[in-house]
Protein backbone atom coordinates (compact mmCIF):
# COMPACT_ATOMS: atom_id res chain seq x y z
CA MET A 1 17.88 23.61 1.03
CA GLY A 2 17.74 27.41 1.38
CA GLU A 3 16.79 30.04 -1.16
CA ARG A 4 20.39 30.52 -2.28
CA ASP A 5 20.65 26.77 -2.91
CA ARG A 6 17.48 26.85 -4.97
CA GLU A 7 18.91 29.57 -7.18
CA ALA A 8 22.14 27.59 -7.61
CA VAL A 9 20.25 24.48 -8.65
CA GLU A 10 18.21 26.63 -11.06
CA GLY A 11 15.05 24.65 -10.95
CA ALA A 12 16.28 21.17 -9.99
CA TYR A 13 12.99 19.86 -8.62
CA THR A 14 11.86 23.32 -7.49
CA MET A 15 9.30 25.52 -9.15
CA ALA A 16 11.01 28.87 -9.67
CA ASP A 17 9.10 32.15 -9.36
CA ARG A 18 7.98 32.66 -12.94
CA ARG A 19 5.00 34.34 -14.48
CA TRP A 20 3.80 31.36 -16.47
CA ILE A 21 1.46 32.10 -19.35
CA PRO A 22 -1.94 31.68 -17.63
CA VAL A 23 -3.57 29.00 -19.76
CA ARG A 24 -6.10 26.54 -18.39
CA GLY A 25 -8.38 24.45 -20.55
CA ALA A 26 -9.70 21.02 -21.49
CA GLN A 27 -11.01 19.37 -24.64
CA GLY A 28 -12.54 16.03 -25.55
CA ASP A 29 -12.60 13.00 -23.26
CA HIS A 30 -10.32 13.61 -20.30
CA SER A 31 -9.96 12.91 -16.60
CA ARG A 32 -10.26 15.62 -13.95
CA GLN A 33 -7.42 14.16 -11.85
CA ALA A 34 -3.96 13.53 -13.28
CA HIS A 35 -2.78 9.90 -13.21
CA ALA A 36 -6.21 8.58 -12.21
CA ASP A 37 -9.65 7.82 -13.66
CA MET A 38 -8.52 8.04 -17.28
CA PRO A 39 -11.10 7.54 -20.04
CA ALA A 40 -11.54 3.81 -20.63
CA GLY A 41 -8.97 2.27 -22.96
CA THR A 42 -6.67 5.31 -23.04
CA TYR A 43 -3.04 5.91 -22.13
CA GLU A 44 -2.09 9.11 -20.34
CA ARG A 45 0.91 11.23 -21.34
CA GLU A 46 2.19 14.23 -19.37
CA MET A 47 3.94 17.22 -20.92
CA SER A 48 5.32 19.57 -18.28
CA LYS A 49 7.79 22.29 -17.35
CA GLU A 50 10.37 22.34 -14.54
CA GLY A 51 10.36 18.57 -14.29
CA PHE A 52 7.11 17.74 -12.51
CA PHE A 53 6.76 21.08 -10.73
CA GLY A 54 5.63 23.52 -13.40
CA PRO A 55 2.56 23.84 -15.63
CA ALA A 56 1.54 20.57 -17.23
CA ALA A 57 -0.84 19.15 -19.82
CA PHE A 58 -2.22 15.62 -19.69
CA PHE A 59 -3.16 13.87 -22.93
CA HIS A 60 -5.23 10.71 -23.29
CA HIS A 61 -4.13 8.60 -26.24
CA ARG A 62 -5.81 5.62 -27.86
CA ARG A 63 -2.45 3.85 -28.18
CA PRO A 64 0.71 3.87 -26.00
CA PRO A 65 2.74 7.02 -26.83
CA THR A 66 5.84 4.85 -27.25
CA GLY A 67 4.35 2.60 -29.91
CA TRP A 68 6.81 3.63 -32.62
CA SER A 69 7.82 1.38 -35.50
CA ASP A 70 11.18 3.08 -36.02
CA PHE A 71 13.33 5.59 -34.11
CA GLN A 72 16.34 7.39 -35.56
CA GLY A 73 18.45 10.25 -34.24
CA PRO A 74 20.19 11.41 -31.05
CA LEU A 75 17.04 11.34 -28.87
CA ARG A 76 16.91 7.55 -28.92
CA PRO A 77 16.90 5.98 -25.46
CA ARG A 78 20.07 4.14 -24.52
CA ALA A 79 20.94 1.28 -22.19
CA PHE A 80 24.33 0.16 -20.94
CA ASP A 81 25.34 -3.08 -19.23
CA LEU A 82 27.74 -1.65 -16.66
CA ALA A 83 28.20 -5.12 -15.17
CA ALA A 84 30.30 -5.86 -18.27
CA LEU A 85 32.77 -3.13 -17.26
CA ASN A 86 34.68 -5.61 -15.13
CA GLU A 87 38.23 -4.30 -15.52
CA GLY A 88 39.47 -3.32 -12.08
CA ALA A 89 41.12 0.03 -11.34
CA ALA A 90 43.26 0.71 -8.28
CA SER A 91 42.39 4.42 -8.31
CA PRO A 92 38.85 5.80 -8.66
CA TRP A 93 40.19 8.34 -11.18
CA ASN A 94 41.04 5.44 -13.49
CA ALA A 95 37.50 4.05 -13.36
CA PRO A 96 35.72 4.47 -16.70
CA VAL A 97 33.49 7.50 -17.21
CA VAL A 98 29.97 6.44 -18.16
CA LEU A 99 28.18 9.80 -18.45
CA ARG A 100 29.22 13.40 -17.82
CA ASN A 101 28.46 17.06 -18.30
CA ALA A 102 29.90 20.23 -16.77
CA HIS A 103 28.18 19.60 -13.41
CA VAL A 104 28.12 15.85 -12.89
CA GLU A 105 30.43 12.95 -13.69
CA ILE A 106 29.28 9.34 -13.40
CA ARG A 107 31.79 6.48 -13.31
CA PHE A 108 31.41 2.75 -12.69
CA TRP A 109 34.27 1.30 -10.68
CA ASN A 110 35.23 -2.31 -10.07
CA LEU A 111 37.70 -2.73 -7.23
CA ALA A 112 39.16 -6.21 -6.79
CA ALA A 113 41.54 -5.48 -3.90
CA PRO A 114 42.21 -2.79 -1.28
CA MET A 115 43.26 0.50 -2.86
CA PRO A 116 47.08 0.78 -2.74
CA VAL A 117 46.75 4.57 -2.80
CA LEU A 118 44.63 7.26 -1.19
CA ALA A 119 42.28 9.44 -3.26
CA ARG A 120 41.21 13.04 -2.81
CA ASN A 121 38.79 14.96 -4.98
CA ALA A 122 39.50 18.68 -5.11
CA ASP A 123 36.90 19.22 -7.86
CA GLY A 124 33.71 18.49 -5.93
CA ASP A 125 31.77 16.33 -3.51
CA GLN A 126 31.70 12.60 -4.22
CA LEU A 127 28.85 10.12 -3.76
CA LEU A 128 29.70 6.41 -3.88
CA PHE A 129 26.83 3.96 -4.30
CA VAL A 130 27.94 0.43 -3.46
CA HIS A 131 26.31 -1.90 -5.99
CA SER A 132 28.01 -5.02 -4.66
CA GLY A 133 30.65 -6.03 -2.16
CA THR A 134 31.52 -5.35 1.47
CA GLY A 135 34.53 -3.79 3.11
CA GLU A 136 35.79 -0.68 4.87
CA LEU A 137 36.24 2.98 4.04
CA PHE A 138 39.26 4.64 5.67
CA CYS A 139 39.44 8.44 5.56
CA ASP A 140 40.64 11.51 7.48
CA PHE A 141 37.69 11.13 9.84
CA GLY A 142 38.10 7.45 10.73
CA ARG A 143 36.63 4.18 9.50
CA LEU A 144 33.22 3.20 8.09
CA ALA A 145 32.17 -0.31 7.07
CA PHE A 146 30.29 -0.53 3.78
CA ALA A 147 27.96 -3.05 2.15
CA ALA A 148 25.79 -3.34 -0.93
CA GLY A 149 23.14 -0.64 -1.07
CA ASP A 150 25.18 1.93 0.86
CA TYR A 151 25.51 5.54 -0.18
CA LEU A 152 28.88 6.91 0.96
CA TYR A 153 29.03 10.70 0.93
CA LEU A 154 32.54 12.17 0.73
CA PRO A 155 32.88 15.97 1.06
CA ARG A 156 35.30 17.64 -1.32
CA GLY A 157 38.83 17.48 0.06
CA THR A 158 38.44 14.21 1.98
CA MET A 159 41.37 11.79 1.75
CA TRP A 160 40.07 8.23 1.52
CA ARG A 161 40.55 4.68 0.37
CA LEU A 162 38.31 1.62 0.08
CA SER A 163 39.39 -1.78 1.37
CA PRO A 164 36.91 -4.37 0.03
CA GLU A 165 36.80 -7.90 1.41
CA ALA A 166 36.40 -9.18 -2.13
CA ASN A 167 35.34 -7.58 -5.42
CA ALA A 168 33.31 -4.41 -5.00
CA ALA A 169 31.34 -2.58 -7.71
CA VAL A 170 30.68 1.10 -7.10
CA LEU A 171 28.63 3.72 -8.95
CA MET A 172 30.49 7.02 -8.48
CA ILE A 173 28.58 10.31 -8.80
CA GLU A 174 30.63 13.50 -8.62
CA CYS A 175 29.12 16.93 -8.07
CA VAL A 176 31.68 18.77 -10.18
CA GLY A 177 32.55 22.14 -8.66
CA GLY A 178 29.72 21.91 -6.16
CA HIS A 179 28.19 20.31 -3.11
CA PHE A 180 25.64 17.64 -2.26
CA THR A 181 22.80 18.75 -0.01
CA LEU A 182 19.55 17.21 1.20
CA PRO A 183 16.28 18.10 -0.55
CA ASP A 184 13.74 20.49 0.91
CA LYS A 185 11.03 18.12 2.19
CA GLY A 186 8.52 20.91 2.74
CA MET A 187 5.43 20.07 4.72
CA LEU A 188 6.57 16.45 5.06
CA GLY A 189 9.13 17.64 7.60
CA PRO A 190 12.89 17.06 7.81
CA THR A 191 12.64 13.47 9.07
CA ALA A 192 10.53 12.20 6.12
CA VAL A 193 12.04 9.57 3.78
CA PHE A 194 14.98 9.27 6.18
CA ASP A 195 15.80 10.95 9.46
CA PRO A 196 19.21 12.67 9.25
CA ALA A 197 19.97 10.78 12.48
CA MET A 198 20.24 7.70 10.23
CA LEU A 199 23.42 9.11 8.66
CA ASP A 200 26.42 7.24 10.10
CA THR A 201 29.80 8.97 10.33
CA PRO A 202 33.28 7.39 10.57
CA GLU A 203 34.77 6.25 13.86
CA MET A 204 38.36 6.57 15.03
CA ASP A 205 38.37 3.07 16.46
CA GLU A 206 41.04 0.42 16.93
CA ALA A 207 40.77 -0.73 13.32
CA PHE A 208 41.40 2.85 12.14
CA ARG A 209 44.40 3.28 14.41
CA ALA A 210 45.84 -0.03 13.19
CA HIS A 211 45.40 1.18 9.62
CA GLN A 212 47.28 4.39 10.46
CA ASP A 213 50.30 2.44 11.60
CA GLU A 214 50.78 0.41 8.45
CA PRO A 215 54.43 0.89 7.37
CA GLY A 216 55.70 2.24 4.08
CA ALA A 217 55.18 5.18 1.76
CA VAL A 218 51.65 6.16 0.76
CA SER A 219 50.64 8.11 -2.36
CA VAL A 220 47.60 10.37 -2.57
CA HIS A 221 45.98 10.76 -6.00
CA VAL A 222 44.45 14.25 -6.01
CA LYS A 223 42.03 15.19 -8.81
CA LYS A 224 41.65 18.87 -9.70
CA ARG A 225 40.24 20.26 -12.96
CA GLY A 226 40.04 16.70 -14.20
CA GLN A 227 43.79 16.14 -13.84
CA VAL A 228 45.49 13.90 -11.28
CA SER A 229 48.48 14.91 -9.18
CA ILE A 230 50.31 12.32 -7.08
CA VAL A 231 51.59 13.34 -3.65
CA THR A 232 53.71 10.74 -1.84
CA TYR A 233 54.35 10.61 1.90
CA PRO A 234 56.88 8.40 3.73
CA TYR A 235 54.01 7.45 6.05
CA ASN A 236 50.23 7.08 5.98
CA PRO A 237 48.81 10.65 5.98
CA LEU A 238 45.58 9.38 7.52
CA ASP A 239 47.21 10.08 10.88
CA ALA A 240 44.67 12.40 12.55
CA VAL A 241 44.05 11.64 16.23
CA GLY A 242 40.75 13.54 16.41
CA TRP A 243 38.43 16.02 14.71
CA HIS A 244 35.39 18.19 15.43
CA GLY A 245 32.96 20.25 13.36
CA ASP A 246 29.82 19.86 11.27
CA LEU A 247 31.34 18.47 8.05
CA ALA A 248 32.12 14.76 7.64
CA PRO A 249 31.60 11.77 5.34
CA ALA A 250 28.36 9.90 5.93
CA ARG A 251 26.74 6.56 5.11
CA ILE A 252 23.13 5.52 4.64
CA ASN A 253 21.79 2.29 3.17
CA VAL A 254 18.86 2.20 0.76
CA SER A 255 17.11 -0.23 3.11
CA ALA A 256 16.81 2.65 5.61
CA LEU A 257 14.74 4.78 3.22
CA ARG A 258 10.99 5.06 3.81
CA PRO A 259 9.43 6.17 0.52
CA VAL A 260 6.59 8.65 0.41
CA VAL A 261 3.52 6.81 -0.94
CA SER A 262 -0.10 7.49 -1.82
CA HIS A 263 -2.68 4.74 -2.17
CA ARG A 264 -4.82 6.88 -4.51
CA TYR A 265 -2.26 8.62 -6.74
CA HIS A 266 0.93 7.60 -8.56
CA LEU A 267 3.49 10.09 -7.29
CA PRO A 268 6.17 11.52 -9.61
CA PRO A 269 9.75 10.29 -9.18
CA SER A 270 10.80 13.65 -7.74
CA VAL A 271 9.30 12.66 -4.36
CA HIS A 272 12.08 10.08 -4.10
CA THR A 273 14.87 12.70 -4.20
CA THR A 274 17.68 11.67 -1.84
CA PHE A 275 20.46 14.17 -2.62
CA VAL A 276 20.60 17.47 -4.50
CA GLY A 277 23.65 18.50 -6.52
CA GLU A 278 24.36 21.53 -8.68
CA ARG A 279 21.86 21.32 -11.54
CA PHE A 280 21.07 17.65 -10.90
CA VAL A 281 19.41 15.42 -8.33
CA VAL A 282 19.93 11.85 -7.12
CA CYS A 283 16.76 9.88 -6.35
CA THR A 284 16.28 6.39 -4.93
CA PHE A 285 13.53 3.96 -5.84
CA ALA A 286 12.93 1.57 -2.94
CA PRO A 287 10.20 -1.03 -2.33
CA ARG A 288 6.79 0.55 -1.66
CA PRO A 289 3.13 -0.51 -1.74
CA PHE A 290 1.32 -0.24 -5.04
CA GLU A 291 -1.59 2.17 -5.32
CA THR A 292 -4.86 0.51 -4.31
CA ASP A 293 -7.44 2.99 -5.62
CA PRO A 294 -9.18 1.27 -8.60
CA GLY A 295 -8.76 4.28 -10.89
CA ALA A 296 -5.18 5.17 -10.01
CA LEU A 297 -2.23 4.32 -12.24
CA LYS A 298 -0.05 1.53 -10.84
CA VAL A 299 2.87 2.10 -13.25
CA PRO A 300 4.91 5.19 -14.16
CA PHE A 301 2.99 7.52 -16.43
CA PHE A 302 4.12 8.33 -19.97
CA HIS A 303 5.82 11.71 -20.13
CA ASN A 304 8.22 13.77 -22.18
CA ASN A 305 10.35 15.57 -19.64
CA ASP A 306 11.81 18.38 -21.71
CA ASP A 307 13.95 19.86 -18.94
CA TYR A 308 16.09 16.95 -17.70
CA ASP A 309 18.13 14.02 -18.95
CA GLU A 310 16.95 11.01 -16.93
CA VAL A 311 19.37 8.27 -15.89
CA LEU A 312 18.46 5.07 -14.04
CA PHE A 313 20.92 2.62 -12.52
CA TYR A 314 19.24 -0.69 -11.67
CA HIS A 315 20.63 -2.07 -8.41
CA ALA A 316 18.46 -5.01 -7.34
CA GLY A 317 15.01 -6.56 -7.53
CA ASP A 318 12.21 -6.90 -10.08
CA PHE A 319 12.13 -3.77 -12.24
CA PHE A 320 8.41 -3.91 -12.83
CA SER A 321 8.12 -1.18 -15.48
CA ARG A 322 11.06 -2.40 -17.58
CA ASP A 323 11.64 -5.47 -19.76
CA ASN A 324 14.99 -7.22 -20.27
CA ILE A 325 16.68 -4.94 -17.73
CA ASP A 326 18.92 -6.63 -15.16
CA ALA A 327 20.80 -5.47 -12.09
CA GLY A 328 23.93 -3.55 -13.01
CA MET A 329 22.42 -1.95 -16.10
CA MET A 330 21.90 1.77 -16.68
CA THR A 331 19.48 3.58 -19.00
CA LEU A 332 19.63 7.12 -20.39
CA HIS A 333 16.47 8.86 -21.54
CA PRO A 334 17.53 12.17 -23.10
CA SER A 335 15.56 15.34 -22.48
CA GLY A 336 12.71 15.60 -25.00
CA PHE A 337 12.24 11.83 -25.40
CA THR A 338 8.73 10.55 -24.69
CA HIS A 339 8.93 7.49 -22.48
CA GLY A 340 7.11 5.36 -19.96
CA PRO A 341 6.56 1.72 -19.05
CA HIS A 342 7.43 -1.10 -21.40
CA PRO A 343 4.55 -3.01 -23.04
CA LYS A 344 4.74 -5.85 -20.49
CA ALA A 345 4.04 -3.38 -17.65
CA LEU A 346 0.98 -1.92 -19.38
CA LYS A 347 -0.90 -5.16 -18.72
CA SER A 348 -0.81 -4.17 -15.03
CA MET A 349 -1.50 -0.48 -15.58
CA LEU A 350 -4.56 -0.49 -13.31
CA VAL A 351 -4.31 -3.85 -11.51
CA GLN A 352 -1.08 -5.24 -10.06
CA PRO A 353 -0.66 -8.94 -9.15
CA LYS A 354 1.57 -8.05 -6.20
CA ALA A 355 0.95 -5.78 -3.23
CA ALA A 356 4.22 -3.89 -3.48
CA THR A 357 7.18 -3.12 -5.72
CA ASP A 358 10.41 -5.05 -5.25
CA GLU A 359 13.15 -2.91 -6.71
CA TYR A 360 16.07 -0.69 -5.77
CA ALA A 361 17.33 1.79 -8.33
CA VAL A 362 19.29 5.05 -8.37
CA MET A 363 17.98 7.83 -10.61
CA ILE A 364 20.06 10.83 -11.64
CA ASP A 365 18.20 13.67 -13.35
CA THR A 366 20.40 16.35 -14.89
CA ARG A 367 19.41 19.83 -15.99
CA ASP A 368 22.07 19.77 -18.72
CA PRO A 369 22.52 17.16 -21.48
CA LEU A 370 24.88 14.29 -20.72
CA ASP A 371 27.68 13.01 -22.94
CA VAL A 372 28.23 9.26 -23.14
CA GLY A 373 31.72 7.96 -22.33
CA GLN A 374 33.58 5.56 -24.60
CA ALA A 375 33.43 2.82 -21.99
CA ALA A 376 29.62 3.02 -21.88
CA GLU A 377 29.37 2.93 -25.67
CA ALA A 378 31.34 -0.31 -25.64
CA VAL A 379 28.69 -2.03 -23.47
CA GLU A 380 25.59 -0.44 -25.01
CA ASN A 381 22.48 -2.46 -25.81
CA LEU A 382 21.65 -1.01 -29.22
CA GLY A 383 18.29 -2.80 -29.27
CA TYR A 384 16.95 -0.95 -26.22
CA VAL A 385 15.08 1.58 -28.38
CA ASP A 386 13.01 -1.27 -29.82
CA SER A 387 11.93 -2.61 -26.42
CA TRP A 388 8.82 -0.40 -26.45
CA LYS A 389 7.51 -1.93 -29.66
CA THR A 390 4.35 -3.96 -29.21
CA PRO A 391 5.24 -7.66 -29.49
CA GLY A 392 4.10 -9.11 -32.78
């Protein structure tokens, strides 16, 4: 990501050139290293700027910072059971909107049969995360097979359709009016986390050519400025015989990711950034070894991230820092809300019974506040805010 991209993202996991007020101090009982060697019996909380990249203060509390007895108001954390949104939609633009703001739109789409139409997004790049199901993606560029755990990147303007073998559930993330790019991996080098050579592109193979020749009229549902236009052809417009260039859809599976880890320090979630949008990022939590240093935190640290709304979609595995969260659920932690591991995870704050995590999750951090769609409100777990209370 170049300097111009950084300015466009306006601080999305970058530390902008600012003359921060030059304060440095310490009081009372405190550690010298963040997220490690805390005073005995304390719980650390981080307050920071620019996500995890600006100035920060680290507090050591006698009790978990989420030990509230009551929580009222719009900052309450929210959880949605997207698996209950099981009504199928033939077009992705009919899939229910879960969360949105001016720069990102998140939908959850159940597709029970091959799309009878083609789709094209003229508003922005599209990222499809396949939560369940297998099948094929047909587009201008050819054919790509897909399976659970795949990210499918679709540049703005691509004509496409999905043909699942059975039911498929897809988390759709749109970069409204913008583009998806890869994060700047700095001194880790461009092949860290995943080598761009792992990105698969479509093939114009026999299966694609057979798809081109299917008889009958084909409609293309084009979305622009949030409205859908329908363009009908007397043939399948996916009739290209070849292409060349440096723009194309791409696929990568979460199993191909190799997370950055540290055995002595619990790294912030920003190190797991997979894609960068305009004023938001998409991160992926994949299995990794737990920290082994005796003094290092083995669970996410408490923090009140005052710059980003934080969204987590739980794909598969054992979500070790959360209680009563199952695959197919999504949580929203609004900017300004202090949060961290659930009480059950605090028992393993410094010692974990397993050697490694066993979870896959997609995190979307947005610079601007998100609005909740009606469909998400209908499947909300209103008791989620109480899940941090210490069991009686």
